[in-house]
Protein backbone atom coordinates (compact mmCIF):
# COMPACT_ATOMS: atom_id res chain seq x y z
CA MET A 1 -86.58 -60.65 -57.23
CA LYS A 2 -88.47 -63.70 -56.12
CA ASP A 3 -90.36 -64.69 -53.03
CA LEU A 4 -89.71 -67.45 -50.49
CA GLU A 5 -92.48 -69.71 -51.72
CA ARG A 6 -91.16 -69.75 -55.27
CA PHE A 7 -87.50 -70.42 -54.59
CA SER A 8 -87.90 -72.99 -51.83
CA GLY A 9 -90.70 -74.93 -53.49
CA LYS A 10 -91.56 -76.20 -50.01
CA ILE A 11 -93.91 -73.77 -48.37
CA GLY A 12 -97.63 -74.18 -47.97
CA ASN A 13 -100.02 -74.18 -45.03
CA LYS A 14 -98.82 -77.62 -44.02
CA GLY A 15 -95.23 -77.33 -45.17
CA THR A 16 -95.98 -79.18 -48.42
CA LYS A 17 -94.95 -78.29 -51.94
CA ILE A 18 -97.22 -75.90 -53.83
CA PRO A 19 -97.74 -76.57 -57.55
CA PRO A 20 -96.15 -73.72 -59.55
CA GLU A 21 -99.42 -72.85 -61.24
CA LYS A 22 -101.07 -72.27 -57.85
CA ALA A 23 -98.19 -70.42 -56.18
CA PRO A 24 -98.71 -66.70 -55.49
CA GLN A 25 -96.80 -64.58 -57.98
CA ALA A 26 -94.71 -61.53 -57.05
CA SER A 27 -93.47 -58.73 -59.25
CA PRO A 28 -89.68 -58.29 -59.60
CA THR A 29 -89.57 -55.69 -56.78
CA GLN A 30 -92.46 -56.91 -54.67
CA VAL A 31 -92.31 -58.72 -51.34
CA LEU A 32 -95.45 -60.72 -50.54
CA PRO A 33 -97.36 -58.94 -47.76
CA GLN A 34 -98.11 -62.04 -45.70
CA ALA A 35 -95.86 -64.30 -43.69
CA GLN A 36 -96.03 -68.06 -44.14
CA PHE A 37 -97.08 -70.40 -41.32
CA LEU A 38 -95.67 -73.92 -41.52
CA THR A 39 -96.70 -76.93 -39.46
CA ILE A 40 -93.77 -79.15 -38.47
CA THR A 41 -94.22 -82.78 -39.46
CA GLU A 42 -92.89 -85.89 -37.71
CA GLU A 43 -90.01 -86.09 -40.18
CA GLU A 44 -89.05 -82.44 -39.62
CA ALA A 45 -89.17 -82.63 -35.82
CA GLY A 46 -85.93 -82.74 -33.89
CA GLN A 47 -83.87 -80.40 -36.04
CA ARG A 48 -82.70 -76.96 -34.98
CA ILE A 49 -84.71 -74.00 -36.24
CA ASP A 50 -81.68 -72.44 -37.97
CA ASN A 51 -80.93 -75.65 -39.89
CA TYR A 52 -84.61 -75.98 -40.81
CA LEU A 53 -84.71 -72.44 -42.21
CA LEU A 54 -81.46 -72.89 -44.13
CA ARG A 55 -82.93 -76.01 -45.73
CA ILE A 56 -86.27 -74.52 -46.80
CA CYS A 57 -84.83 -71.12 -47.73
CA LYS A 58 -82.44 -72.34 -50.38
CA GLY A 59 -80.67 -69.42 -52.02
CA VAL A 60 -81.06 -67.06 -49.06
CA PRO A 61 -77.69 -66.00 -47.57
CA LYS A 62 -76.94 -67.55 -44.17
CA SER A 63 -76.40 -64.10 -42.71
CA HIS A 64 -79.95 -63.09 -43.64
CA VAL A 65 -81.46 -66.25 -42.14
CA TYR A 66 -79.70 -65.60 -38.82
CA ARG A 67 -80.68 -61.92 -38.97
CA ILE A 68 -84.41 -62.70 -39.18
CA LEU A 69 -83.97 -65.19 -36.32
CA ARG A 70 -82.26 -62.60 -34.10
CA SER A 71 -84.81 -59.94 -34.95
CA GLY A 72 -87.73 -62.12 -33.87
CA GLU A 73 -89.35 -62.18 -37.31
CA VAL A 74 -89.29 -65.98 -37.15
CA ARG A 75 -91.61 -67.27 -34.44
CA VAL A 76 -92.65 -70.69 -33.20
CA ASN A 77 -96.14 -71.04 -31.75
CA LYS A 78 -96.32 -67.22 -31.72
CA GLY A 79 -93.29 -66.94 -29.45
CA ARG A 80 -89.72 -65.81 -30.04
CA ILE A 81 -87.02 -68.47 -30.10
CA ASP A 82 -83.26 -68.51 -30.55
CA GLN A 83 -81.29 -70.36 -33.22
CA LEU A 84 -80.71 -73.38 -30.93
CA TYR A 85 -84.42 -74.18 -30.54
CA ARG A 86 -85.25 -77.74 -31.64
CA LEU A 87 -88.52 -78.17 -33.48
CA VAL A 88 -91.30 -80.40 -32.15
CA GLU A 89 -93.97 -82.12 -34.25
CA GLY A 90 -96.97 -79.84 -34.51
CA ASP A 91 -95.02 -76.60 -33.98
CA ILE A 92 -96.29 -73.68 -36.05
CA VAL A 93 -93.36 -71.77 -37.54
CA ARG A 94 -93.85 -68.23 -38.83
CA VAL A 95 -91.50 -67.47 -41.72
CA PRO A 96 -91.49 -63.82 -42.82
CA PRO A 97 -91.61 -62.85 -46.50
CA ILE A 98 -88.12 -62.95 -47.97
CA ARG A 99 -86.82 -61.74 -51.29
CA LEU A 100 -83.49 -62.16 -53.03
CA ALA A 101 -81.94 -61.38 -56.35
CA GLU A 102 -83.19 -63.49 -59.20
CA LYS A 103 -80.72 -66.30 -59.84
CA ALA A 104 -80.71 -68.91 -62.54
CA GLU A 105 -81.17 -72.27 -60.87
CA ALA A 106 -78.76 -74.99 -61.91
CA VAL A 107 -80.40 -78.04 -63.41
CA VAL A 108 -79.46 -81.08 -61.33
CA PRO A 109 -79.30 -84.26 -63.41
CA ALA A 110 -81.15 -87.14 -61.78
CA CYS A 111 -78.84 -90.03 -61.00
CA GLU A 112 -78.97 -93.31 -59.12
CA PHE A 113 -75.87 -95.02 -57.74
CA ASP A 114 -74.99 -98.64 -57.02
CA ILE A 115 -77.16 -99.61 -54.05
CA ILE A 116 -75.58 -101.74 -51.33
CA PHE A 117 -78.64 -101.72 -49.03
CA GLU A 118 -82.03 -100.05 -48.93
CA ASP A 119 -85.17 -100.23 -46.82
CA SER A 120 -87.76 -97.75 -45.56
CA HIS A 121 -85.23 -96.13 -43.18
CA LEU A 122 -81.86 -96.28 -44.94
CA LEU A 123 -80.17 -96.04 -48.30
CA VAL A 124 -76.55 -97.15 -48.58
CA ILE A 125 -74.76 -96.58 -51.89
CA ASP A 126 -71.32 -97.22 -53.36
CA LYS A 127 -70.18 -93.70 -54.27
CA PRO A 128 -67.74 -93.43 -57.18
CA ALA A 129 -64.59 -91.32 -56.90
CA GLY A 130 -64.74 -87.83 -58.37
CA VAL A 131 -68.31 -87.14 -57.24
CA ALA A 132 -68.97 -84.72 -54.37
CA VAL A 133 -71.52 -85.80 -51.77
CA HIS A 134 -73.22 -82.38 -51.85
CA GLY A 135 -73.04 -79.07 -53.69
CA GLY A 136 -70.88 -76.20 -52.50
CA SER A 137 -67.26 -74.98 -52.69
CA GLY A 138 -67.42 -74.57 -56.45
CA VAL A 139 -69.55 -77.71 -56.99
CA SER A 140 -73.11 -76.96 -58.09
CA PHE A 141 -74.50 -80.35 -57.06
CA GLY A 142 -73.49 -83.67 -55.59
CA VAL A 143 -74.80 -87.12 -54.70
CA ILE A 144 -77.57 -85.89 -52.40
CA GLU A 145 -78.96 -83.43 -54.96
CA GLN A 146 -78.81 -86.02 -57.75
CA LEU A 147 -80.58 -88.64 -55.64
CA ARG A 148 -83.30 -86.17 -54.68
CA ALA A 149 -83.75 -85.31 -58.35
CA SER A 150 -84.11 -89.00 -59.23
CA ARG A 151 -86.54 -89.58 -56.33
CA PRO A 152 -88.92 -86.59 -56.44
CA ASP A 153 -91.50 -88.37 -54.29
CA ALA A 154 -89.06 -89.02 -51.42
CA LYS A 155 -90.37 -87.19 -48.35
CA PHE A 156 -86.98 -87.19 -46.63
CA LEU A 157 -83.45 -87.94 -47.80
CA GLU A 158 -80.37 -86.69 -45.97
CA LEU A 159 -76.67 -87.58 -45.75
CA VAL A 160 -75.74 -89.44 -42.57
CA HIS A 161 -72.04 -88.71 -43.05
CA ARG A 162 -69.69 -87.49 -45.78
CA LEU A 163 -66.91 -88.79 -47.99
CA ASP A 164 -64.27 -86.70 -49.72
CA ARG A 165 -64.98 -86.07 -53.37
CA ASP A 166 -62.05 -88.27 -54.46
CA THR A 167 -62.91 -91.11 -52.04
CA SER A 168 -65.09 -93.96 -53.28
CA GLY A 169 -67.17 -96.43 -51.32
CA LEU A 170 -69.94 -96.74 -48.76
CA LEU A 171 -72.12 -93.69 -48.15
CA LEU A 172 -75.11 -93.79 -45.77
CA LEU A 173 -78.26 -91.75 -46.30
CA ALA A 174 -81.31 -91.58 -44.05
CA LYS A 175 -84.87 -91.79 -45.40
CA LYS A 176 -86.41 -90.81 -42.06
CA ARG A 177 -85.36 -88.12 -39.60
CA SER A 178 -85.51 -90.62 -36.74
CA ALA A 179 -82.95 -92.77 -38.57
CA LEU A 180 -80.71 -89.75 -39.18
CA THR A 181 -80.78 -88.74 -35.50
CA ASN A 182 -80.15 -92.30 -34.33
CA LEU A 183 -77.18 -92.85 -36.64
CA HIS A 184 -75.68 -89.48 -35.71
CA GLU A 185 -75.87 -90.52 -32.05
CA GLN A 186 -74.17 -93.83 -32.84
CA MET A 187 -71.35 -92.06 -34.64
CA ARG A 188 -70.95 -89.43 -31.95
CA ASP A 189 -70.81 -92.11 -29.23
CA GLY A 190 -68.32 -94.24 -31.15
CA HIS A 191 -70.72 -97.13 -31.78
CA THR A 192 -70.07 -97.37 -35.52
CA ASP A 193 -67.05 -98.97 -37.19
CA LYS A 194 -65.84 -97.44 -40.47
CA ARG A 195 -62.96 -98.99 -42.41
CA TYR A 196 -61.16 -97.91 -45.55
CA LEU A 197 -58.74 -99.47 -48.00
CA THR A 198 -55.84 -97.25 -48.99
CA LEU A 199 -52.52 -97.55 -50.78
CA ALA A 200 -49.68 -95.83 -48.92
CA VAL A 201 -46.46 -94.81 -50.64
CA GLY A 202 -43.24 -96.03 -48.99
CA ASP A 203 -41.69 -98.97 -47.14
CA TRP A 204 -44.35 -99.69 -44.51
CA LYS A 205 -43.03 -101.91 -41.68
CA ASN A 206 -45.62 -102.58 -38.98
CA ALA A 207 -48.39 -105.18 -39.22
CA ARG A 208 -50.60 -102.94 -37.09
CA GLN A 209 -49.97 -99.30 -36.23
CA HIS A 210 -51.89 -96.73 -34.18
CA VAL A 211 -51.58 -93.09 -35.24
CA LYS A 212 -52.75 -90.50 -32.73
CA LEU A 213 -52.07 -87.01 -34.04
CA PRO A 214 -54.32 -84.00 -33.21
CA LEU A 215 -55.79 -82.36 -36.30
CA ARG A 216 -56.74 -78.75 -36.94
CA LYS A 217 -58.77 -77.41 -39.86
CA TYR A 218 -57.78 -74.23 -41.66
CA SER A 219 -58.37 -72.49 -44.99
CA THR A 220 -55.82 -71.58 -47.62
CA PRO A 221 -55.70 -67.97 -48.96
CA ASP A 222 -57.95 -69.03 -51.85
CA GLY A 223 -60.51 -70.50 -49.45
CA GLU A 224 -59.69 -74.18 -49.87
CA ARG A 225 -60.25 -76.35 -46.80
CA ARG A 226 -57.15 -78.07 -45.41
CA VAL A 227 -56.12 -79.98 -42.29
CA SER A 228 -52.80 -80.10 -40.47
CA VAL A 229 -51.30 -81.80 -37.42
CA SER A 230 -51.31 -79.27 -34.59
CA GLU A 231 -50.96 -79.39 -30.80
CA ASP A 232 -54.13 -77.32 -30.47
CA GLY A 233 -56.06 -79.60 -32.84
CA LEU A 234 -58.79 -82.12 -32.06
CA PRO A 235 -57.77 -85.57 -30.76
CA SER A 236 -57.66 -87.99 -33.72
CA HIS A 237 -56.97 -91.72 -33.83
CA THR A 238 -56.57 -94.11 -36.77
CA VAL A 239 -55.51 -97.77 -36.68
CA PHE A 240 -53.70 -99.05 -39.77
CA THR A 241 -53.40 -102.77 -40.58
CA LEU A 242 -51.01 -103.97 -43.27
CA LEU A 243 -52.80 -106.19 -45.82
CA LYS A 244 -50.32 -106.45 -48.69
CA LYS A 245 -46.87 -105.02 -49.29
CA PHE A 246 -45.48 -104.19 -52.72
CA ALA A 247 -42.24 -102.58 -53.88
CA GLY A 248 -42.74 -98.95 -52.88
CA PHE A 249 -46.38 -99.34 -51.80
CA ALA A 250 -48.46 -100.85 -48.98
CA LEU A 251 -52.14 -101.76 -49.08
CA LEU A 252 -53.59 -100.83 -45.69
CA GLU A 253 -56.92 -101.08 -43.93
CA ALA A 254 -57.60 -97.88 -42.00
CA GLU A 255 -59.95 -98.12 -39.02
CA LEU A 256 -61.33 -94.80 -37.85
CA LYS A 257 -61.54 -94.33 -34.09
CA THR A 258 -62.46 -90.67 -34.62
CA GLY A 259 -64.00 -89.06 -37.69
CA ARG A 260 -62.08 -85.88 -38.43
CA THR A 261 -61.95 -84.20 -41.83
CA HIS A 262 -59.20 -85.73 -44.04
CA GLN A 263 -58.09 -87.81 -41.04
CA ILE A 264 -56.66 -90.83 -42.90
CA ARG A 265 -54.98 -88.65 -45.51
CA VAL A 266 -53.23 -86.38 -43.02
CA HIS A 267 -52.31 -89.15 -40.56
CA LEU A 268 -50.57 -91.08 -43.34
CA ALA A 269 -48.90 -88.07 -44.94
CA SER A 270 -47.65 -86.82 -41.56
CA SER A 271 -46.26 -90.29 -40.82
CA GLY A 272 -44.24 -90.24 -44.04
CA PHE A 273 -46.53 -92.51 -46.07
CA PRO A 274 -48.83 -90.34 -48.23
CA ILE A 275 -51.73 -91.92 -50.09
CA ALA A 276 -51.05 -92.69 -53.75
CA GLY A 277 -52.86 -90.14 -55.89
CA ASP A 278 -53.67 -87.70 -53.04
CA ASP A 279 -53.59 -84.26 -54.64
CA LYS A 280 -53.73 -82.34 -51.35
CA TYR A 281 -51.29 -84.10 -49.03
CA GLY A 282 -49.49 -86.55 -51.32
CA ASP A 283 -46.26 -86.80 -53.28
CA PHE A 284 -47.16 -84.54 -56.19
CA ALA A 285 -44.31 -85.61 -58.48
CA LEU A 286 -45.11 -89.29 -57.93
CA ASN A 287 -48.82 -88.68 -58.43
CA LYS A 288 -48.10 -87.12 -61.82
CA ALA A 289 -45.92 -90.08 -62.79
CA LEU A 290 -48.58 -92.57 -61.63
CA GLN A 291 -51.09 -91.17 -64.09
CA LYS A 292 -49.23 -92.92 -66.90
CA ALA A 293 -48.42 -96.63 -66.97
CA ASP A 294 -44.82 -97.76 -67.22
CA ALA A 295 -42.97 -101.07 -67.57
CA THR A 296 -43.55 -102.02 -63.91
CA ARG A 297 -47.16 -101.00 -63.27
CA GLY A 298 -50.41 -99.66 -64.65
CA ALA A 299 -51.77 -96.12 -64.37
CA LEU A 300 -53.53 -94.61 -61.33
CA LYS A 301 -55.54 -91.48 -62.08
CA ARG A 302 -57.33 -91.04 -58.73
CA MET A 303 -56.66 -91.08 -55.01
CA PHE A 304 -56.44 -94.64 -53.71
CA LEU A 305 -58.88 -94.38 -50.80
CA HIS A 306 -62.04 -96.50 -50.62
CA ALA A 307 -64.63 -96.82 -47.84
CA HIS A 308 -65.03 -100.59 -47.96
CA GLN A 309 -66.82 -101.53 -44.72
CA ILE A 310 -69.15 -100.05 -42.14
CA THR A 311 -70.79 -101.60 -39.08
CA PHE A 312 -73.72 -99.98 -37.25
CA THR A 313 -76.96 -100.82 -35.49
CA HIS A 314 -80.08 -100.51 -37.63
CA PRO A 315 -82.01 -97.55 -36.17
CA GLU A 316 -85.38 -99.33 -36.33
CA THR A 317 -84.73 -103.06 -35.87
CA GLY A 318 -81.75 -102.83 -33.52
CA LYS A 319 -79.90 -105.41 -35.62
CA VAL A 320 -76.13 -105.00 -35.97
CA MET A 321 -75.31 -104.64 -39.67
CA THR A 322 -71.97 -104.90 -41.47
CA LEU A 323 -71.97 -103.73 -45.08
CA ASN A 324 -69.17 -103.98 -47.62
CA ALA A 325 -68.36 -102.37 -50.96
CA PRO A 326 -65.79 -104.08 -53.22
CA LEU A 327 -62.63 -102.15 -54.00
CA ALA A 328 -63.21 -99.76 -56.90
CA ALA A 329 -62.27 -101.32 -60.25
CA GLU A 330 -59.60 -98.74 -61.13
CA CYS A 331 -57.88 -99.35 -57.77
CA GLU A 332 -58.12 -103.12 -58.18
CA ARG A 333 -56.55 -102.92 -61.64
CA PHE A 334 -53.65 -100.86 -60.30
CA LEU A 335 -53.00 -103.39 -57.52
CA VAL A 336 -52.98 -106.27 -60.01
CA SER A 337 -50.50 -104.36 -62.17
CA LEU A 338 -48.05 -104.18 -59.23
CA GLY A 339 -47.61 -107.94 -59.40
CA LYS A 340 -47.22 -110.44 -56.58
CA PRO A 341 -47.12 -108.93 -53.06
CA LEU A 342 -43.83 -109.09 -51.16
CA ASN A 343 -45.47 -110.49 -48.00
């Protein structure tokens, strides 16, 4: 068994990391007799208490974190709070001793990615396809864990939004909590503009097409996350603009008006134009054939979906920023192999 201080690596009198050699040691069956009292910093302020605990108590089951919240073992400024309480700078949080089964911690390889923009508030990278943005669902680590490993002195680094594992392109990360909160507000209020490049399969006709199909999330029997068009789903809106047309394919720009899970993929597949290489909603027989080059084209061994442009207001300066990431090389090569566009 191991105690909260050891597995989180975050807890001290001021919420700072304790060197391993100075950390209190517990025997395999021992729970430390004293609770920990953490002072909330400026960067930690604003987040909900349940999210804060889940972050610092890595390895503790969610059910246990919510159980100690409901029981009143977690207190803020000596008072009981519920899971919706938002932390304020200077709050004193009491975290009770917690133990859990000893678990071998996965070694996260440090990694940097192509940087599109960086300052003291933001980091914007060009994420390659095939890399998850965070660990979970069978993936031990992702972009955020690798970046934290490569930047051990970073006081704060969080994902602003997510990209599917097989989608490449622009990914925003916040280096300050104030930036994270501001950008989340912009996205929630529809003040950001995210655009993707995608290759649809089929004879696309319209120069510009709006797709408004409600989407509902569900899980397959084996626990895999999926999305379908459903009358009881969430309102979803994508605008597709035809850029180039090839025999059997169309290069489209997808403009997100809402940001639902797998929105572009499901909107295209449900409209009869699945994304080339999409292993969840695509044409599986065609995808298999595309993995090998033939006399008319090159090979495509990934999903053709790339986050190529994002526009937002800088959370500190107030300046409107538009950032771009060039189409991934493997997608560009496949387009070139298709020859001259029909339009």
